[in-house]
Amino acid sequence: MKKYILLIIIFDAFLLSFCNSNNSSKETKENEKLNTKNKQDIITINKYPNDTNYKGIMVIPEQMAFCILDSALPKEAPSKMEINYSKILKDVEFTKVEVAEYPGCIFYSNQPDKIVFETFFLLKTKPQQKPRYSKPVILEKTLGLLYDHYGTFNTIHRSYDKIKKILEQEGYIQCGPTREIYILNDDTAKWRTRIIVPITKK
């Protein structure tokens, strides 16, 4: 538990430094993009009026991204993530592609002795040349439950507990690794982690 808390504190510090390069107008634009929904892809919308962070269940389209798969001890993971994001941004500049404003991460394993994760930036345009450090990956189309967590990562476990309850009530189970996208702000209370959980019916 101590290692996990340390990971949260260091990763929060990394994201705070990262968000300083993004202004509020960029955040607003990105929020609008993330909230734009193709009506035919919406399966359900929020049926829980007391939990406005739950956004519903919808089809997440296939998306191309620059990714770096890595693993580390909990205390080493934040610094590795920071290095990987920097490498991806170098590839973005080298390949001259357009990417989403904010970083994301897929967590494959979060054990006390090893975290397996994949840092990524979603691509808006197709790269015309091979990146030097990262790998172009197609994140497959999936049915996903969307949930927004606000604030730092100290309380994100509460959001995951709520997601678990919603899945049980709606009759779904998780069928793939969770994707997180970090929409950052100078005010840490306004940080938004868009949690996307791939799901299938029981």
N, C-alpha and C. Protein backbone atom coordinates (compact mmCIF):
# COMPACT_ATOMS: atom_id res chain seq x y z
N MET A 1 0.83 -1.21 0.00
CA MET A 1 0.00 0.00 0.00
C MET A 1 0.87 1.26 0.00
N LYS A 2 1.98 1.24 0.76
CA LYS A 2 2.87 2.39 0.80
C LYS A 2 3.46 2.67 -0.57
N LYS A 3 3.84 1.58 -1.28
CA LYS A 3 4.40 1.74 -2.63
C LYS A 3 3.36 2.35 -3.56
N TYR A 4 2.11 1.92 -3.42
CA TYR A 4 1.04 2.42 -4.29
C TYR A 4 0.80 3.91 -4.02
N ILE A 5 0.82 4.30 -2.75
CA ILE A 5 0.64 5.71 -2.41
C ILE A 5 1.78 6.54 -2.96
N LEU A 6 3.01 6.02 -2.89
CA LEU A 6 4.16 6.72 -3.43
C LEU A 6 4.02 6.91 -4.93
N LEU A 7 3.55 5.87 -5.61
CA LEU A 7 3.32 5.95 -7.05
C LEU A 7 2.33 7.06 -7.37
N ILE A 8 1.24 7.14 -6.63
CA ILE A 8 0.22 8.16 -6.84
C ILE A 8 0.81 9.55 -6.68
N ILE A 9 1.57 9.76 -5.62
CA ILE A 9 2.13 11.08 -5.34
C ILE A 9 3.08 11.52 -6.44
N ILE A 10 3.97 10.60 -6.87
CA ILE A 10 4.95 10.95 -7.89
C ILE A 10 4.27 11.18 -9.24
N PHE A 11 3.31 10.32 -9.56
CA PHE A 11 2.62 10.46 -10.84
C PHE A 11 1.79 11.74 -10.88
N ASP A 12 1.17 12.11 -9.75
CA ASP A 12 0.45 13.38 -9.66
C ASP A 12 1.40 14.54 -9.94
N ALA A 13 2.60 14.47 -9.37
CA ALA A 13 3.58 15.53 -9.57
C ALA A 13 3.99 15.63 -11.04
N PHE A 14 4.16 14.47 -11.68
CA PHE A 14 4.51 14.46 -13.11
C PHE A 14 3.40 15.11 -13.94
N LEU A 15 2.16 14.73 -13.69
CA LEU A 15 1.05 15.28 -14.47
C LEU A 15 0.89 16.77 -14.23
N LEU A 16 1.17 17.22 -13.01
CA LEU A 16 1.08 18.64 -12.71
C LEU A 16 2.10 19.41 -13.54
N SER A 17 3.31 18.89 -13.65
CA SER A 17 4.33 19.55 -14.46
C SER A 17 3.95 19.52 -15.93
N PHE A 18 3.33 18.42 -16.37
CA PHE A 18 2.92 18.28 -17.76
C PHE A 18 1.82 19.28 -18.10
N CYS A 19 0.88 19.48 -17.18
CA CYS A 19 -0.27 20.32 -17.48
C CYS A 19 0.10 21.79 -17.57
N ASN A 20 1.25 22.18 -17.05
CA ASN A 20 1.65 23.58 -17.11
C ASN A 20 1.85 24.07 -18.54
N SER A 21 2.04 23.12 -19.47
CA SER A 21 2.23 23.48 -20.87
C SER A 21 0.91 23.59 -21.61
N ASN A 22 -0.22 23.34 -20.94
CA ASN A 22 -1.53 23.39 -21.57
C ASN A 22 -2.38 24.48 -20.93
N ASN A 23 -2.97 25.36 -21.75
CA ASN A 23 -3.80 26.41 -21.18
C ASN A 23 -5.26 26.00 -21.12
N SER A 24 -6.09 26.82 -20.47
CA SER A 24 -7.48 26.45 -20.25
C SER A 24 -8.28 26.36 -21.54
N SER A 25 -7.93 27.16 -22.56
CA SER A 25 -8.67 27.10 -23.82
C SER A 25 -8.45 25.77 -24.51
N LYS A 26 -7.23 25.24 -24.43
CA LYS A 26 -6.95 23.92 -24.99
C LYS A 26 -7.75 22.86 -24.25
N GLU A 27 -7.84 23.01 -22.92
CA GLU A 27 -8.59 22.04 -22.13
C GLU A 27 -10.06 22.05 -22.54
N THR A 28 -10.61 23.25 -22.73
CA THR A 28 -12.01 23.37 -23.12
C THR A 28 -12.27 22.69 -24.45
N LYS A 29 -11.38 22.91 -25.43
CA LYS A 29 -11.54 22.28 -26.74
C LYS A 29 -11.47 20.77 -26.63
N GLU A 30 -10.52 20.28 -25.83
CA GLU A 30 -10.38 18.83 -25.69
C GLU A 30 -11.59 18.23 -24.99
N ASN A 31 -12.10 18.93 -23.99
CA ASN A 31 -13.30 18.46 -23.30
C ASN A 31 -14.48 18.36 -24.26
N GLU A 32 -14.60 19.35 -25.15
CA GLU A 32 -15.68 19.33 -26.12
C GLU A 32 -15.55 18.13 -27.05
N LYS A 33 -14.31 17.83 -27.46
CA LYS A 33 -14.09 16.69 -28.35
C LYS A 33 -14.43 15.39 -27.65
N LEU A 34 -14.03 15.26 -26.40
CA LEU A 34 -14.29 14.03 -25.67
C LEU A 34 -15.78 13.87 -25.37
N ASN A 35 -16.50 14.97 -25.30
CA ASN A 35 -17.92 14.89 -25.00
C ASN A 35 -18.79 14.77 -26.26
N THR A 36 -18.15 14.91 -27.44
CA THR A 36 -18.89 14.76 -28.69
C THR A 36 -19.16 13.28 -28.93
N LYS A 37 -20.41 12.92 -29.14
CA LYS A 37 -20.78 11.52 -29.28
C LYS A 37 -21.51 11.30 -30.60
N ASN A 38 -21.17 10.23 -31.31
CA ASN A 38 -21.91 9.81 -32.48
C ASN A 38 -23.16 9.09 -31.96
N LYS A 39 -24.35 9.63 -32.28
CA LYS A 39 -25.58 9.11 -31.70
C LYS A 39 -25.78 7.62 -31.96
N GLN A 40 -25.34 7.15 -33.14
CA GLN A 40 -25.56 5.74 -33.45
C GLN A 40 -24.65 4.83 -32.64
N ASP A 41 -23.62 5.38 -32.03
CA ASP A 41 -22.69 4.58 -31.24
C ASP A 41 -23.04 4.56 -29.76
N ILE A 42 -24.03 5.35 -29.34
CA ILE A 42 -24.41 5.38 -27.93
C ILE A 42 -25.32 4.19 -27.63
N ILE A 43 -24.95 3.39 -26.66
CA ILE A 43 -25.76 2.25 -26.25
C ILE A 43 -26.70 2.67 -25.12
N THR A 44 -26.16 3.26 -24.09
CA THR A 44 -26.96 3.83 -23.00
C THR A 44 -26.31 5.12 -22.55
N ILE A 45 -27.11 6.02 -22.02
CA ILE A 45 -26.57 7.22 -21.40
C ILE A 45 -26.71 7.07 -19.89
N ASN A 46 -26.26 8.06 -19.18
CA ASN A 46 -26.27 7.97 -17.72
C ASN A 46 -27.69 7.82 -17.17
N LYS A 47 -27.94 6.69 -16.54
CA LYS A 47 -29.23 6.45 -15.91
C LYS A 47 -29.15 6.66 -14.40
N TYR A 48 -28.03 7.22 -13.96
CA TYR A 48 -27.82 7.41 -12.53
C TYR A 48 -27.67 8.91 -12.25
N PRO A 49 -28.77 9.62 -12.02
CA PRO A 49 -28.72 11.08 -11.86
C PRO A 49 -27.88 11.55 -10.69
N ASN A 50 -27.65 10.68 -9.72
CA ASN A 50 -26.83 11.07 -8.58
C ASN A 50 -25.34 10.90 -8.84
N ASP A 51 -24.99 10.37 -10.00
CA ASP A 51 -23.57 10.18 -10.36
C ASP A 51 -23.35 10.74 -11.75
N THR A 52 -23.10 12.03 -11.83
CA THR A 52 -22.94 12.69 -13.13
C THR A 52 -21.59 12.38 -13.79
N ASN A 53 -20.69 11.73 -13.06
CA ASN A 53 -19.40 11.36 -13.65
C ASN A 53 -19.52 10.18 -14.61
N TYR A 54 -20.56 9.38 -14.43
CA TYR A 54 -20.80 8.26 -15.34
C TYR A 54 -21.40 8.80 -16.64
N LYS A 55 -20.75 8.53 -17.76
CA LYS A 55 -21.15 9.11 -19.04
C LYS A 55 -21.94 8.15 -19.92
N GLY A 56 -21.98 6.88 -19.56
CA GLY A 56 -22.76 5.93 -20.34
C GLY A 56 -21.92 4.86 -20.98
N ILE A 57 -22.57 4.06 -21.81
CA ILE A 57 -21.92 2.96 -22.52
C ILE A 57 -22.05 3.25 -24.01
N MET A 58 -20.92 3.20 -24.71
CA MET A 58 -20.95 3.51 -26.13
C MET A 58 -19.84 2.78 -26.87
N VAL A 59 -19.94 2.78 -28.18
CA VAL A 59 -18.91 2.16 -29.01
C VAL A 59 -17.75 3.13 -29.15
N ILE A 60 -16.56 2.68 -28.77
CA ILE A 60 -15.34 3.47 -28.93
C ILE A 60 -14.73 3.08 -30.27
N PRO A 61 -14.59 4.01 -31.20
CA PRO A 61 -14.09 3.66 -32.53
C PRO A 61 -12.63 3.25 -32.51
N GLU A 62 -12.22 2.56 -33.57
CA GLU A 62 -10.82 2.21 -33.76
C GLU A 62 -10.00 3.50 -33.82
N GLN A 63 -8.87 3.52 -33.12
CA GLN A 63 -8.05 4.72 -33.06
C GLN A 63 -6.57 4.36 -33.20
N MET A 64 -5.85 5.15 -34.00
CA MET A 64 -4.41 4.95 -34.13
C MET A 64 -3.69 5.78 -33.08
N ALA A 65 -2.60 5.23 -32.54
CA ALA A 65 -1.84 5.94 -31.52
C ALA A 65 -0.37 5.61 -31.63
N PHE A 66 0.46 6.50 -31.13
CA PHE A 66 1.87 6.21 -30.89
C PHE A 66 1.96 5.68 -29.46
N CYS A 67 2.50 4.48 -29.29
CA CYS A 67 2.53 3.83 -27.97
C CYS A 67 3.93 3.35 -27.60
N ILE A 68 4.16 3.29 -26.32
CA ILE A 68 5.37 2.65 -25.79
C ILE A 68 4.94 1.73 -24.66
N LEU A 69 5.16 0.43 -24.86
CA LEU A 69 4.85 -0.57 -23.85
C LEU A 69 6.03 -0.70 -22.90
N ASP A 70 5.76 -0.74 -21.61
CA ASP A 70 6.85 -0.76 -20.63
C ASP A 70 6.38 -1.43 -19.35
N SER A 71 7.30 -1.68 -18.47
CA SER A 71 6.98 -2.22 -17.15
C SER A 71 7.99 -1.67 -16.15
N ALA A 72 7.61 -1.66 -14.90
CA ALA A 72 8.51 -1.09 -13.88
C ALA A 72 8.01 -1.44 -12.50
N LEU A 73 8.90 -1.28 -11.53
CA LEU A 73 8.50 -1.32 -10.14
C LEU A 73 7.61 -0.10 -9.87
N PRO A 74 6.69 -0.19 -8.92
CA PRO A 74 5.80 0.95 -8.67
C PRO A 74 6.54 2.28 -8.48
N LYS A 75 7.62 2.28 -7.74
CA LYS A 75 8.32 3.54 -7.48
C LYS A 75 9.05 4.07 -8.70
N GLU A 76 9.30 3.20 -9.70
CA GLU A 76 10.00 3.62 -10.91
C GLU A 76 9.06 3.97 -12.06
N ALA A 77 7.80 3.54 -11.96
CA ALA A 77 6.86 3.72 -13.07
C ALA A 77 6.63 5.18 -13.47
N PRO A 78 6.43 6.11 -12.52
CA PRO A 78 6.18 7.50 -12.94
C PRO A 78 7.30 8.10 -13.78
N SER A 79 8.56 7.85 -13.37
CA SER A 79 9.67 8.41 -14.15
C SER A 79 9.77 7.76 -15.53
N LYS A 80 9.45 6.46 -15.61
CA LYS A 80 9.45 5.79 -16.91
C LYS A 80 8.33 6.33 -17.80
N MET A 81 7.18 6.59 -17.21
CA MET A 81 6.08 7.17 -17.98
C MET A 81 6.46 8.53 -18.53
N GLU A 82 7.09 9.34 -17.70
CA GLU A 82 7.50 10.68 -18.12
C GLU A 82 8.49 10.59 -19.29
N ILE A 83 9.43 9.68 -19.19
CA ILE A 83 10.41 9.48 -20.26
C ILE A 83 9.71 9.02 -21.54
N ASN A 84 8.77 8.11 -21.39
CA ASN A 84 8.06 7.58 -22.56
C ASN A 84 7.21 8.64 -23.25
N TYR A 85 6.53 9.47 -22.47
CA TYR A 85 5.75 10.55 -23.07
C TYR A 85 6.67 11.51 -23.84
N SER A 86 7.83 11.79 -23.28
CA SER A 86 8.79 12.68 -23.95
C SER A 86 9.25 12.08 -25.27
N LYS A 87 9.48 10.76 -25.27
CA LYS A 87 9.91 10.08 -26.50
C LYS A 87 8.81 10.13 -27.56
N ILE A 88 7.57 9.92 -27.12
CA ILE A 88 6.45 9.96 -28.07
C ILE A 88 6.33 11.35 -28.68
N LEU A 89 6.50 12.38 -27.87
CA LEU A 89 6.40 13.75 -28.38
C LEU A 89 7.54 14.06 -29.35
N LYS A 90 8.69 13.46 -29.14
CA LYS A 90 9.79 13.60 -30.10
C LYS A 90 9.41 12.94 -31.43
N ASP A 91 8.73 11.78 -31.35
CA ASP A 91 8.27 11.11 -32.56
C ASP A 91 7.20 11.92 -33.27
N VAL A 92 6.36 12.57 -32.49
CA VAL A 92 5.32 13.43 -33.07
C VAL A 92 5.97 14.55 -33.89
N GLU A 93 7.00 15.16 -33.33
CA GLU A 93 7.71 16.23 -34.04
C GLU A 93 8.44 15.68 -35.26
N PHE A 94 9.07 14.52 -35.13
CA PHE A 94 9.84 13.92 -36.21
C PHE A 94 8.94 13.50 -37.38
N THR A 95 7.78 12.91 -37.07
CA THR A 95 6.89 12.41 -38.12
C THR A 95 5.88 13.46 -38.59
N LYS A 96 5.82 14.58 -37.86
CA LYS A 96 4.93 15.69 -38.23
C LYS A 96 3.45 15.27 -38.26
N VAL A 97 3.06 14.43 -37.30
CA VAL A 97 1.65 14.05 -37.20
C VAL A 97 0.95 14.98 -36.21
N GLU A 98 -0.36 15.00 -36.30
CA GLU A 98 -1.16 15.73 -35.32
C GLU A 98 -1.68 14.74 -34.29
N VAL A 99 -1.60 15.12 -33.03
CA VAL A 99 -2.05 14.23 -31.96
C VAL A 99 -3.05 14.93 -31.05
N ALA A 100 -3.75 14.15 -30.24
CA ALA A 100 -4.65 14.70 -29.23
C ALA A 100 -3.83 15.50 -28.21
N GLU A 101 -4.48 16.45 -27.57
CA GLU A 101 -3.78 17.37 -26.66
C GLU A 101 -3.18 16.67 -25.45
N TYR A 102 -3.84 15.59 -24.99
CA TYR A 102 -3.48 15.03 -23.70
C TYR A 102 -3.03 13.58 -23.80
N PRO A 103 -2.18 13.16 -22.86
CA PRO A 103 -1.66 11.79 -22.89
C PRO A 103 -2.65 10.77 -22.35
N GLY A 104 -2.37 9.51 -22.66
CA GLY A 104 -3.19 8.42 -22.14
C GLY A 104 -2.32 7.26 -21.71
N CYS A 105 -2.92 6.32 -21.03
CA CYS A 105 -2.18 5.14 -20.58
C CYS A 105 -3.12 3.95 -20.47
N ILE A 106 -2.60 2.79 -20.83
CA ILE A 106 -3.33 1.54 -20.65
C ILE A 106 -2.57 0.72 -19.61
N PHE A 107 -3.28 0.27 -18.59
CA PHE A 107 -2.64 -0.52 -17.53
C PHE A 107 -3.02 -1.99 -17.69
N TYR A 108 -2.02 -2.82 -17.96
CA TYR A 108 -2.25 -4.25 -18.15
C TYR A 108 -2.11 -5.02 -16.85
N SER A 109 -1.28 -4.51 -15.95
CA SER A 109 -1.07 -5.17 -14.67
C SER A 109 -0.63 -4.13 -13.65
N ASN A 110 -1.17 -4.22 -12.46
CA ASN A 110 -0.81 -3.27 -11.40
C ASN A 110 -0.55 -4.04 -10.12
N GLN A 111 0.47 -4.90 -10.17
CA GLN A 111 0.85 -5.70 -9.02
C GLN A 111 1.84 -4.95 -8.14
N PRO A 112 1.95 -5.32 -6.87
CA PRO A 112 2.88 -4.63 -5.96
C PRO A 112 4.33 -4.67 -6.42
N ASP A 113 4.71 -5.74 -7.16
CA ASP A 113 6.11 -5.87 -7.57
C ASP A 113 6.35 -5.50 -9.02
N LYS A 114 5.27 -5.20 -9.78
CA LYS A 114 5.47 -4.88 -11.19
C LYS A 114 4.21 -4.25 -11.80
N ILE A 115 4.40 -3.13 -12.49
CA ILE A 115 3.32 -2.49 -13.21
C ILE A 115 3.62 -2.60 -14.70
N VAL A 116 2.68 -3.10 -15.48
CA VAL A 116 2.83 -3.19 -16.93
C VAL A 116 1.87 -2.16 -17.53
N PHE A 117 2.40 -1.25 -18.33
CA PHE A 117 1.60 -0.15 -18.83
C PHE A 117 2.04 0.25 -20.24
N GLU A 118 1.14 0.94 -20.93
CA GLU A 118 1.44 1.41 -22.27
C GLU A 118 1.03 2.88 -22.36
N THR A 119 2.02 3.75 -22.46
CA THR A 119 1.75 5.17 -22.61
C THR A 119 1.41 5.46 -24.07
N PHE A 120 0.51 6.42 -24.31
CA PHE A 120 0.14 6.70 -25.70
C PHE A 120 -0.36 8.12 -25.89
N PHE A 121 -0.28 8.55 -27.15
CA PHE A 121 -0.97 9.74 -27.63
C PHE A 121 -1.80 9.30 -28.83
N LEU A 122 -3.07 9.64 -28.87
CA LEU A 122 -3.91 9.32 -30.01
C LEU A 122 -3.53 10.21 -31.19
N LEU A 123 -3.52 9.63 -32.40
CA LEU A 123 -3.14 10.37 -33.59
C LEU A 123 -4.37 10.90 -34.32
N LYS A 124 -4.27 12.12 -34.79
CA LYS A 124 -5.32 12.72 -35.61
C LYS A 124 -5.02 12.53 -37.10
N THR A 125 -3.73 12.39 -37.43
CA THR A 125 -3.33 12.19 -38.82
C THR A 125 -2.41 10.97 -38.90
N LYS A 126 -2.30 10.39 -40.08
CA LYS A 126 -1.49 9.19 -40.28
C LYS A 126 -0.03 9.56 -40.48
N PRO A 127 0.90 8.90 -39.77
CA PRO A 127 2.32 9.20 -39.95
C PRO A 127 2.81 8.77 -41.33
N GLN A 128 3.66 9.59 -41.92
CA GLN A 128 4.20 9.28 -43.24
C GLN A 128 5.56 8.60 -43.17
N GLN A 129 6.10 8.50 -41.98
CA GLN A 129 7.36 7.81 -41.79
C GLN A 129 7.37 7.11 -40.43
N LYS A 130 8.29 6.18 -40.28
CA LYS A 130 8.35 5.36 -39.08
C LYS A 130 8.90 6.16 -37.91
N PRO A 131 8.22 6.13 -36.75
CA PRO A 131 8.75 6.84 -35.57
C PRO A 131 10.00 6.15 -35.04
N ARG A 132 10.80 6.91 -34.32
CA ARG A 132 12.09 6.39 -33.84
C ARG A 132 11.97 5.63 -32.52
N TYR A 133 11.08 6.06 -31.65
CA TYR A 133 11.03 5.51 -30.31
C TYR A 133 9.76 4.72 -30.01
N SER A 134 8.65 5.18 -30.52
CA SER A 134 7.37 4.56 -30.22
C SER A 134 6.89 3.68 -31.36
N LYS A 135 5.78 3.03 -31.14
CA LYS A 135 5.22 2.12 -32.13
C LYS A 135 3.81 2.57 -32.52
N PRO A 136 3.54 2.69 -33.83
CA PRO A 136 2.17 2.99 -34.24
C PRO A 136 1.28 1.79 -33.95
N VAL A 137 0.23 2.00 -33.21
CA VAL A 137 -0.66 0.91 -32.79
C VAL A 137 -2.10 1.29 -33.08
N ILE A 138 -2.88 0.33 -33.52
CA ILE A 138 -4.31 0.54 -33.68
C ILE A 138 -5.01 0.05 -32.42
N LEU A 139 -5.60 0.98 -31.67
CA LEU A 139 -6.41 0.59 -30.52
C LEU A 139 -7.76 0.14 -31.07
N GLU A 140 -8.08 -1.11 -30.88
CA GLU A 140 -9.24 -1.70 -31.54
C GLU A 140 -10.56 -1.11 -31.06
N LYS A 141 -11.53 -1.17 -31.96
CA LYS A 141 -12.89 -0.74 -31.65
C LYS A 141 -13.43 -1.60 -30.51
N THR A 142 -14.14 -0.97 -29.59
CA THR A 142 -14.65 -1.73 -28.45
C THR A 142 -15.91 -1.07 -27.89
N LEU A 143 -16.73 -1.86 -27.27
CA LEU A 143 -17.83 -1.33 -26.49
C LEU A 143 -17.24 -0.90 -25.15
N GLY A 144 -17.48 0.32 -24.76
CA GLY A 144 -16.84 0.81 -23.55
C GLY A 144 -17.76 1.56 -22.61
N LEU A 145 -17.50 1.43 -21.33
CA LEU A 145 -18.16 2.23 -20.30
C LEU A 145 -17.26 3.42 -20.03
N LEU A 146 -17.84 4.62 -20.07
CA LEU A 146 -17.07 5.85 -19.87
C LEU A 146 -17.41 6.46 -18.51
N TYR A 147 -16.35 6.83 -17.81
CA TYR A 147 -16.52 7.41 -16.48
C TYR A 147 -15.44 8.46 -16.27
N ASP A 148 -15.81 9.62 -15.75
CA ASP A 148 -14.85 10.70 -15.50
C ASP A 148 -14.50 10.76 -14.02
N HIS A 149 -13.20 10.71 -13.75
CA HIS A 149 -12.71 10.90 -12.39
C HIS A 149 -12.10 12.29 -12.30
N TYR A 150 -12.51 13.07 -11.30
CA TYR A 150 -11.98 14.42 -11.11
C TYR A 150 -11.04 14.47 -9.92
N GLY A 151 -9.96 15.24 -10.07
CA GLY A 151 -8.98 15.38 -9.01
C GLY A 151 -7.76 14.52 -9.24
N THR A 152 -6.93 14.41 -8.21
CA THR A 152 -5.71 13.62 -8.33
C THR A 152 -6.04 12.14 -8.19
N PHE A 153 -4.98 11.33 -8.19
CA PHE A 153 -5.18 9.88 -8.18
C PHE A 153 -5.33 9.29 -6.79
N ASN A 154 -5.29 10.13 -5.78
CA ASN A 154 -5.44 9.62 -4.42
C ASN A 154 -6.79 8.97 -4.18
N THR A 155 -7.81 9.41 -4.94
CA THR A 155 -9.16 8.88 -4.73
C THR A 155 -9.71 8.15 -5.96
N ILE A 156 -8.85 7.85 -6.93
CA ILE A 156 -9.35 7.25 -8.16
C ILE A 156 -9.94 5.85 -7.92
N HIS A 157 -9.48 5.19 -6.85
CA HIS A 157 -10.01 3.86 -6.53
C HIS A 157 -11.52 3.93 -6.24
N ARG A 158 -11.98 5.08 -5.75
CA ARG A 158 -13.41 5.24 -5.48
C ARG A 158 -14.20 5.23 -6.79
N SER A 159 -13.63 5.86 -7.81
CA SER A 159 -14.29 5.86 -9.12
C SER A 159 -14.36 4.45 -9.69
N TYR A 160 -13.28 3.70 -9.51
CA TYR A 160 -13.28 2.32 -10.00
C TYR A 160 -14.27 1.44 -9.23
N ASP A 161 -14.46 1.74 -7.96
CA ASP A 161 -15.47 1.01 -7.17
C ASP A 161 -16.87 1.29 -7.71
N LYS A 162 -17.11 2.55 -8.09
CA LYS A 162 -18.42 2.91 -8.65
C LYS A 162 -18.63 2.26 -10.01
N ILE A 163 -17.56 2.20 -10.80
CA ILE A 163 -17.63 1.54 -12.11
C ILE A 163 -18.00 0.07 -11.95
N LYS A 164 -17.39 -0.58 -10.97
CA LYS A 164 -17.67 -1.99 -10.72
C LYS A 164 -19.15 -2.20 -10.40
N LYS A 165 -19.73 -1.32 -9.60
CA LYS A 165 -21.14 -1.44 -9.23
C LYS A 165 -22.04 -1.23 -10.45
N ILE A 166 -21.68 -0.26 -11.29
CA ILE A 166 -22.47 0.02 -12.49
C ILE A 166 -22.44 -1.18 -13.43
N LEU A 167 -21.26 -1.78 -13.61
CA LEU A 167 -21.14 -2.96 -14.47
C LEU A 167 -22.05 -4.09 -13.97
N GLU A 168 -22.07 -4.29 -12.66
CA GLU A 168 -22.91 -5.34 -12.09
C GLU A 168 -24.39 -5.05 -12.32
N GLN A 169 -24.78 -3.79 -12.13
CA GLN A 169 -26.18 -3.41 -12.29
C GLN A 169 -26.63 -3.48 -13.76
N GLU A 170 -25.72 -3.20 -14.68
CA GLU A 170 -26.06 -3.18 -16.11
C GLU A 170 -25.85 -4.54 -16.78
N GLY A 171 -25.27 -5.49 -16.06
CA GLY A 171 -25.08 -6.83 -16.60
C GLY A 171 -23.90 -6.97 -17.55
N TYR A 172 -22.85 -6.18 -17.31
CA TYR A 172 -21.65 -6.25 -18.15
C TYR A 172 -20.46 -6.75 -17.33
N ILE A 173 -19.44 -7.23 -18.03
CA ILE A 173 -18.16 -7.56 -17.40
C ILE A 173 -17.05 -6.91 -18.22
N GLN A 174 -15.94 -6.62 -17.57
CA GLN A 174 -14.80 -6.04 -18.28
C GLN A 174 -14.16 -7.11 -19.16
N CYS A 175 -13.78 -6.73 -20.39
CA CYS A 175 -13.22 -7.70 -21.32
C CYS A 175 -11.88 -7.27 -21.91
N GLY A 176 -11.27 -6.27 -21.32
CA GLY A 176 -9.97 -5.81 -21.80
C GLY A 176 -9.38 -4.80 -20.84
N PRO A 177 -8.11 -4.42 -21.06
CA PRO A 177 -7.46 -3.47 -20.15
C PRO A 177 -8.08 -2.09 -20.23
N THR A 178 -8.15 -1.44 -19.09
CA THR A 178 -8.74 -0.10 -19.01
C THR A 178 -7.83 0.93 -19.67
N ARG A 179 -8.45 1.86 -20.39
CA ARG A 179 -7.73 2.98 -20.98
C ARG A 179 -8.03 4.23 -20.15
N GLU A 180 -7.02 5.03 -19.92
CA GLU A 180 -7.21 6.30 -19.23
C GLU A 180 -6.66 7.42 -20.09
N ILE A 181 -7.39 8.53 -20.15
CA ILE A 181 -6.91 9.73 -20.84
C ILE A 181 -6.93 10.86 -19.82
N TYR A 182 -5.83 11.62 -19.77
CA TYR A 182 -5.65 12.62 -18.73
C TYR A 182 -5.88 14.03 -19.29
N ILE A 183 -6.99 14.64 -18.88
CA ILE A 183 -7.31 16.00 -19.28
C ILE A 183 -6.91 16.89 -18.12
N LEU A 184 -5.85 17.66 -18.32
CA LEU A 184 -5.21 18.33 -17.20
C LEU A 184 -5.55 19.81 -17.10
N ASN A 185 -5.28 20.35 -15.91
CA ASN A 185 -5.61 21.73 -15.61
C ASN A 185 -4.65 22.21 -14.54
N ASP A 186 -4.39 23.50 -14.51
CA ASP A 186 -3.51 24.03 -13.46
C ASP A 186 -4.06 23.77 -12.06
N ASP A 187 -5.37 23.70 -11.94
CA ASP A 187 -6.02 23.40 -10.68
C ASP A 187 -6.22 21.88 -10.59
N THR A 188 -5.50 21.22 -9.69
CA THR A 188 -5.55 19.75 -9.61
C THR A 188 -6.94 19.23 -9.29
N ALA A 189 -7.77 20.05 -8.65
CA ALA A 189 -9.14 19.62 -8.34
C ALA A 189 -9.97 19.46 -9.61
N LYS A 190 -9.52 20.10 -10.69
CA LYS A 190 -10.24 20.04 -11.96
C LYS A 190 -9.62 19.04 -12.94
N TRP A 191 -8.58 18.34 -12.51
CA TRP A 191 -8.04 17.29 -13.38
C TRP A 191 -9.14 16.30 -13.70
N ARG A 192 -9.18 15.86 -14.95
CA ARG A 192 -10.19 14.86 -15.33
C ARG A 192 -9.51 13.67 -15.97
N THR A 193 -9.73 12.51 -15.40
CA THR A 193 -9.26 11.27 -15.99
C THR A 193 -10.46 10.60 -16.65
N ARG A 194 -10.43 10.52 -17.97
CA ARG A 194 -11.50 9.83 -18.70
C ARG A 194 -11.16 8.33 -18.68
N ILE A 195 -11.93 7.57 -17.92
CA ILE A 195 -11.73 6.14 -17.79
C ILE A 195 -12.61 5.43 -18.82
N ILE A 196 -11.99 4.58 -19.62
CA ILE A 196 -12.73 3.82 -20.63
C ILE A 196 -12.51 2.34 -20.34
N VAL A 197 -13.59 1.65 -19.98
CA VAL A 197 -13.49 0.23 -19.62
C VAL A 197 -14.12 -0.61 -20.74
N PRO A 198 -13.34 -1.40 -21.48
CA PRO A 198 -13.91 -2.30 -22.50
C PRO A 198 -14.82 -3.33 -21.83
N ILE A 199 -16.01 -3.51 -22.37
CA ILE A 199 -16.98 -4.40 -21.70
C ILE A 199 -17.71 -5.30 -22.70
N THR A 200 -18.32 -6.35 -22.17
CA THR A 200 -19.18 -7.22 -22.93
C THR A 200 -20.29 -7.71 -22.01
N LYS A 201 -21.39 -8.15 -22.59
CA LYS A 201 -22.48 -8.66 -21.79
C LYS A 201 -22.08 -9.96 -21.09
N LYS A 202 -22.61 -10.19 -19.90
CA LYS A 202 -22.33 -11.43 -19.17
C LYS A 202 -22.89 -12.61 -19.94
